[in-house]
């Protein structure tokens, strides 16, 4: 039972740190564009493949 004196404050601190990190992510705009990530995966405009490399050389 004496260990609870240490575990309860540690648990409260970790919970508060998680809440603070979540609130920071909300304020910094991490959840603003949820649909954009799936389109950025498919966008290959920054990839220079063999076909584009030949067009740029010649």
PDB file of N, CA and C in Angstrom:
ATOM      1  N   UNK A   1       0.813  -1.200   0.000  1.00  0.00           N
ATOM      2  CA  UNK A   1       0.000   0.000   0.000  1.00  0.00           C
ATOM      3  C   UNK A   1       0.858   1.266   0.000  1.00  0.00           C
ATOM      4  N   UNK A   2       2.064   1.164   0.495  1.00  0.00           N
ATOM      5  CA  UNK A   2       2.926   2.345   0.531  1.00  0.00           C
ATOM      6  C   UNK A   2       3.361   2.762  -0.877  1.00  0.00           C
ATOM      7  N   UNK A   3       3.347   1.807  -1.795  1.00  0.00           N
ATOM      8  CA  UNK A   3       3.756   2.119  -3.171  1.00  0.00           C
ATOM      9  C   UNK A   3       2.761   3.052  -3.847  1.00  0.00           C
ATOM     10  N   UNK A   4       1.507   3.064  -3.374  1.00  0.00           N
ATOM     11  CA  UNK A   4       0.501   3.947  -3.954  1.00  0.00           C
ATOM     12  C   UNK A   4       0.851   5.419  -3.767  1.00  0.00           C
ATOM     13  N   UNK A   5       1.607   5.719  -2.730  1.00  0.00           N
ATOM     14  CA  UNK A   5       2.053   7.092  -2.494  1.00  0.00           C
ATOM     15  C   UNK A   5       2.903   7.570  -3.668  1.00  0.00           C
ATOM     16  N   UNK A   6       3.605   6.664  -4.322  1.00  0.00           N
ATOM     17  CA  UNK A   6       4.448   7.010  -5.472  1.00  0.00           C
ATOM     18  C   UNK A   6       3.709   6.829  -6.801  1.00  0.00           C
ATOM     19  N   UNK A   7       2.909   5.783  -6.881  1.00  0.00           N
ATOM     20  CA  UNK A   7       2.275   5.465  -8.158  1.00  0.00           C
ATOM     21  C   UNK A   7       1.161   6.439  -8.545  1.00  0.00           C
ATOM     22  N   UNK A   8       0.389   6.896  -7.571  1.00  0.00           N
ATOM     23  CA  UNK A   8      -0.717   7.812  -7.894  1.00  0.00           C
ATOM     24  C   UNK A   8      -0.200   9.143  -8.439  1.00  0.00           C
ATOM     25  N   UNK A   9       0.790   9.795  -7.820  1.00  0.00           N
ATOM     26  CA  UNK A   9       1.309  11.035  -8.426  1.00  0.00           C
ATOM     27  C   UNK A   9       1.953  10.814  -9.797  1.00  0.00           C
ATOM     28  N   UNK A  10       2.633   9.672  -9.967  1.00  0.00           N
ATOM     29  CA  UNK A  10       3.236   9.387 -11.267  1.00  0.00           C
ATOM     30  C   UNK A  10       2.157   9.224 -12.324  1.00  0.00           C
ATOM     31  N   UNK A  11       1.084   8.512 -11.982  1.00  0.00           N
ATOM     32  CA  UNK A  11      -0.014   8.319 -12.924  1.00  0.00           C
ATOM     33  C   UNK A  11      -0.695   9.644 -13.250  1.00  0.00           C
ATOM     34  N   UNK A  12      -0.901  10.487 -12.261  1.00  0.00           N
ATOM     35  CA  UNK A  12      -1.508  11.797 -12.507  1.00  0.00           C
ATOM     36  C   UNK A  12      -0.609  12.670 -13.377  1.00  0.00           C
ATOM     37  N   UNK A  13       0.695  12.609 -13.136  1.00  0.00           N
ATOM     38  CA  UNK A  13       1.628  13.384 -13.950  1.00  0.00           C
ATOM     39  C   UNK A  13       1.619  12.911 -15.402  1.00  0.00           C
ATOM     40  N   UNK A  14       1.659  11.599 -15.610  1.00  0.00           N
ATOM     41  CA  UNK A  14       1.657  11.072 -16.978  1.00  0.00           C
ATOM     42  C   UNK A  14       0.340  11.371 -17.688  1.00  0.00           C
ATOM     43  N   UNK A  15      -0.766  11.296 -16.981  1.00  0.00           N
ATOM     44  CA  UNK A  15      -2.054  11.648 -17.573  1.00  0.00           C
ATOM     45  C   UNK A  15      -2.108  13.122 -17.954  1.00  0.00           C
ATOM     46  N   UNK A  16      -1.591  13.972 -17.075  1.00  0.00           N
ATOM     47  CA  UNK A  16      -1.543  15.402 -17.378  1.00  0.00           C
ATOM     48  C   UNK A  16      -0.629  15.710 -18.551  1.00  0.00           C
ATOM     49  N   UNK A  17       0.490  14.998 -18.637  1.00  0.00           N
ATOM     50  CA  UNK A  17       1.408  15.198 -19.763  1.00  0.00           C
ATOM     51  C   UNK A  17       0.749  14.766 -21.072  1.00  0.00           C
ATOM     52  N   UNK A  18       0.012  13.670 -21.042  1.00  0.00           N
ATOM     53  CA  UNK A  18      -0.709  13.235 -22.236  1.00  0.00           C
ATOM     54  C   UNK A  18      -1.781  14.225 -22.639  1.00  0.00           C
ATOM     55  N   UNK A  19      -2.498  14.746 -21.674  1.00  0.00           N
ATOM     56  CA  UNK A  19      -3.523  15.754 -21.963  1.00  0.00           C
ATOM     57  C   UNK A  19      -2.897  17.024 -22.525  1.00  0.00           C
ATOM     58  N   UNK A  20      -1.774  17.445 -21.955  1.00  0.00           N
ATOM     59  CA  UNK A  20      -1.081  18.633 -22.455  1.00  0.00           C
ATOM     60  C   UNK A  20      -0.602  18.426 -23.886  1.00  0.00           C
ATOM     61  N   UNK A  21      -0.084  17.241 -24.189  1.00  0.00           N
ATOM     62  CA  UNK A  21       0.378  16.957 -25.551  1.00  0.00           C
ATOM     63  C   UNK A  21      -0.798  16.959 -26.528  1.00  0.00           C
ATOM     64  N   UNK A  22      -1.925  16.409 -26.109  1.00  0.00           N
ATOM     65  CA  UNK A  22      -3.105  16.412 -26.966  1.00  0.00           C
ATOM     66  C   UNK A  22      -3.602  17.832 -27.215  1.00  0.00           C
ATOM     67  N   UNK A  23      -3.663  18.652 -26.180  1.00  0.00           N
ATOM     68  CA  UNK A  23      -4.111  20.036 -26.351  1.00  0.00           C
ATOM     69  C   UNK A  23      -3.147  20.822 -27.229  1.00  0.00           C
ATOM     70  N   UNK A  24      -1.846  20.565 -27.086  1.00  0.00           N
ATOM     71  CA  UNK A  24      -0.867  21.229 -27.945  1.00  0.00           C
ATOM     72  C   UNK A  24      -1.095  20.854 -29.404  1.00  0.00           C
ATOM     73  N   UNK A  25      -1.364  19.568 -29.652  1.00  0.00           N
ATOM     74  CA  UNK A  25      -1.579  19.131 -31.036  1.00  0.00           C
ATOM     75  C   UNK A  25      -2.839  19.747 -31.622  1.00  0.00           C
ATOM     76  N   UNK A  26      -3.860  19.950 -30.797  1.00  0.00           N
ATOM     77  CA  UNK A  26      -5.064  20.619 -31.285  1.00  0.00           C
ATOM     78  C   UNK A  26      -4.776  22.068 -31.666  1.00  0.00           C
ATOM     79  N   UNK A  27      -4.046  22.757 -30.811  1.00  0.00           N
ATOM     80  CA  UNK A  27      -3.763  24.179 -31.055  1.00  0.00           C
ATOM     81  C   UNK A  27      -2.798  24.396 -32.206  1.00  0.00           C
ATOM     82  N   UNK A  28      -1.920  23.437 -32.475  1.00  0.00           N
ATOM     83  CA  UNK A  28      -0.944  23.625 -33.546  1.00  0.00           C
ATOM     84  C   UNK A  28      -1.483  23.185 -34.906  1.00  0.00           C
ATOM     85  N   UNK A  29      -2.721  22.723 -34.962  1.00  0.00           N
ATOM     86  CA  UNK A  29      -3.348  22.418 -36.240  1.00  0.00           C
ATOM     87  C   UNK A  29      -3.055  21.039 -36.781  1.00  0.00           C
ATOM     88  N   UNK A  30      -2.735  20.087 -35.940  1.00  0.00           N
ATOM     89  CA  UNK A  30      -2.415  18.745 -36.403  1.00  0.00           C
ATOM     90  C   UNK A  30      -3.620  18.038 -37.002  1.00  0.00           C
ATOM     91  N   UNK A  31      -4.819  18.442 -36.625  1.00  0.00           N
ATOM     92  CA  UNK A  31      -6.022  17.750 -37.074  1.00  0.00           C
ATOM     93  C   UNK A  31      -6.825  18.576 -38.077  1.00  0.00           C
ATOM     94  N   UNK A  32      -6.238  19.588 -38.662  1.00  0.00           N
ATOM     95  CA  UNK A  32      -6.956  20.462 -39.576  1.00  0.00           C
ATOM     96  C   UNK A  32      -7.272  19.783 -40.904  1.00  0.00           C
ATOM     97  N   UNK A  33      -6.318  19.069 -41.481  1.00  0.00           N
ATOM     98  CA  UNK A  33      -6.481  18.497 -42.816  1.00  0.00           C
ATOM     99  C   UNK A  33      -6.353  16.975 -42.740  1.00  0.00           C
ATOM    100  N   UNK A  34      -7.414  16.309 -42.331  1.00  0.00           N
ATOM    101  CA  UNK A  34      -7.361  14.860 -42.195  1.00  0.00           C
ATOM    102  C   UNK A  34      -7.442  14.161 -43.543  1.00  0.00           C
ATOM    103  N   UNK A  35      -8.046  14.776 -44.534  1.00  0.00           N
ATOM    104  CA  UNK A  35      -8.191  14.162 -45.852  1.00  0.00           C
ATOM    105  C   UNK A  35      -6.944  14.360 -46.718  1.00  0.00           C
ATOM    106  N   UNK A  36      -6.152  15.362 -46.439  1.00  0.00           N
ATOM    107  CA  UNK A  36      -5.006  15.675 -47.281  1.00  0.00           C
ATOM    108  C   UNK A  36      -3.915  14.625 -47.268  1.00  0.00           C
ATOM    109  N   UNK A  37      -3.753  13.924 -46.157  1.00  0.00           N
ATOM    110  CA  UNK A  37      -2.671  12.947 -46.061  1.00  0.00           C
ATOM    111  C   UNK A  37      -2.856  11.805 -47.050  1.00  0.00           C
ATOM    112  N   UNK A  38      -4.085  11.359 -47.232  1.00  0.00           N
ATOM    113  CA  UNK A  38      -4.289  10.243 -48.163  1.00  0.00           C
ATOM    114  C   UNK A  38      -4.042  10.670 -49.601  1.00  0.00           C
ATOM    115  N   UNK A  39      -4.255  11.941 -49.922  1.00  0.00           N
ATOM    116  CA  UNK A  39      -3.981  12.398 -51.286  1.00  0.00           C
ATOM    117  C   UNK A  39      -2.497  12.662 -51.494  1.00  0.00           C
ATOM    118  N   UNK A  40      -1.798  13.096 -50.440  1.00  0.00           N
ATOM    119  CA  UNK A  40      -0.354  13.330 -50.560  1.00  0.00           C
ATOM    120  C   UNK A  40       0.398  12.028 -50.776  1.00  0.00           C
ATOM    121  N   UNK A  41      -0.123  10.925 -50.264  1.00  0.00           N
ATOM    122  CA  UNK A  41       0.522   9.632 -50.493  1.00  0.00           C
ATOM    123  C   UNK A  41       0.500   9.283 -51.975  1.00  0.00           C
ATOM    124  N   UNK A  42      -0.605   9.587 -52.638  1.00  0.00           N
ATOM    125  CA  UNK A  42      -0.764   9.226 -54.043  1.00  0.00           C
ATOM    126  C   UNK A  42      -0.103  10.215 -54.993  1.00  0.00           C
ATOM    127  N   UNK A  43       0.216  11.396 -54.534  1.00  0.00           N
ATOM    128  CA  UNK A  43       0.807  12.429 -55.381  1.00  0.00           C
ATOM    129  C   UNK A  43       2.279  12.116 -55.617  1.00  0.00           C
ATOM    130  N   UNK A  44       2.658  11.958 -56.889  1.00  0.00           N
ATOM    131  CA  UNK A  44       4.052  11.653 -57.195  1.00  0.00           C
ATOM    132  C   UNK A  44       4.718  12.789 -57.979  1.00  0.00           C
ATOM    133  N   UNK A  45       4.278  14.007 -57.752  1.00  0.00           N
ATOM    134  CA  UNK A  45       4.854  15.128 -58.491  1.00  0.00           C
ATOM    135  C   UNK A  45       6.301  15.413 -58.083  1.00  0.00           C
ATOM    136  N   UNK A  46       6.710  15.002 -56.894  1.00  0.00           N
ATOM    137  CA  UNK A  46       8.087  15.253 -56.477  1.00  0.00           C
ATOM    138  C   UNK A  46       9.022  14.079 -56.768  1.00  0.00           C
ATOM    139  N   UNK A  47       8.486  13.007 -57.324  1.00  0.00           N
ATOM    140  CA  UNK A  47       9.291  11.828 -57.649  1.00  0.00           C
ATOM    141  C   UNK A  47       9.730  11.911 -59.099  1.00  0.00           C
ATOM    142  N   UNK A  48      11.024  11.735 -59.342  1.00  0.00           N
ATOM    143  CA  UNK A  48      11.534  11.777 -60.703  1.00  0.00           C
ATOM    144  C   UNK A  48      11.870  10.359 -61.134  1.00  0.00           C
ATOM    145  N   UNK A  49      10.961   9.772 -61.885  1.00  0.00           N
ATOM    146  CA  UNK A  49      11.155   8.402 -62.352  1.00  0.00           C
ATOM    147  C   UNK A  49      11.966   8.364 -63.630  1.00  0.00           C
ATOM    148  N   UNK A  50      12.141   7.181 -64.228  1.00  0.00           N
ATOM    149  CA  UNK A  50      12.940   7.040 -65.447  1.00  0.00           C
ATOM    150  C   UNK A  50      12.368   7.834 -66.621  1.00  0.00           C
ATOM    151  N   UNK A  51      11.045   7.871 -66.765  1.00  0.00           N
ATOM    152  CA  UNK A  51      10.423   8.579 -67.870  1.00  0.00           C
ATOM    153  C   UNK A  51      10.670  10.080 -67.750  1.00  0.00           C
ATOM    154  N   UNK A  52      10.500  10.623 -66.564  1.00  0.00           N
ATOM    155  CA  UNK A  52      10.708  12.067 -66.362  1.00  0.00           C
ATOM    156  C   UNK A  52      12.191  12.422 -66.463  1.00  0.00           C
ATOM    157  N   UNK A  53      13.060  11.530 -66.054  1.00  0.00           N
ATOM    158  CA  UNK A  53      14.494  11.796 -66.139  1.00  0.00           C
ATOM    159  C   UNK A  53      14.915  11.893 -67.611  1.00  0.00           C
ATOM    160  N   UNK A  54      14.361  11.069 -68.494  1.00  0.00           N
ATOM    161  CA  UNK A  54      14.685  11.117 -69.909  1.00  0.00           C
ATOM    162  C   UNK A  54      14.153  12.393 -70.547  1.00  0.00           C
ATOM    163  N   UNK A  55      12.979  12.830 -70.132  1.00  0.00           N
ATOM    164  CA  UNK A  55      12.408  14.068 -70.674  1.00  0.00           C
ATOM    165  C   UNK A  55      13.256  15.274 -70.291  1.00  0.00           C
ATOM    166  N   UNK A  56      13.802  15.279 -69.071  1.00  0.00           N
ATOM    167  CA  UNK A  56      14.602  16.402 -68.613  1.00  0.00           C
ATOM    168  C   UNK A  56      15.992  16.410 -69.258  1.00  0.00           C
ATOM    169  N   UNK A  57      16.506  15.255 -69.635  1.00  0.00           N
ATOM    170  CA  UNK A  57      17.846  15.187 -70.234  1.00  0.00           C
ATOM    171  C   UNK A  57      17.859  15.630 -71.694  1.00  0.00           C
ATOM    172  N   UNK A  58      16.767  15.393 -72.386  1.00  0.00           N
ATOM    173  CA  UNK A  58      16.876  15.506 -73.792  1.00  0.00           C
ATOM    174  C   UNK A  58      16.223  16.552 -74.518  1.00  0.00           C
TER     175      UNK A  58
END
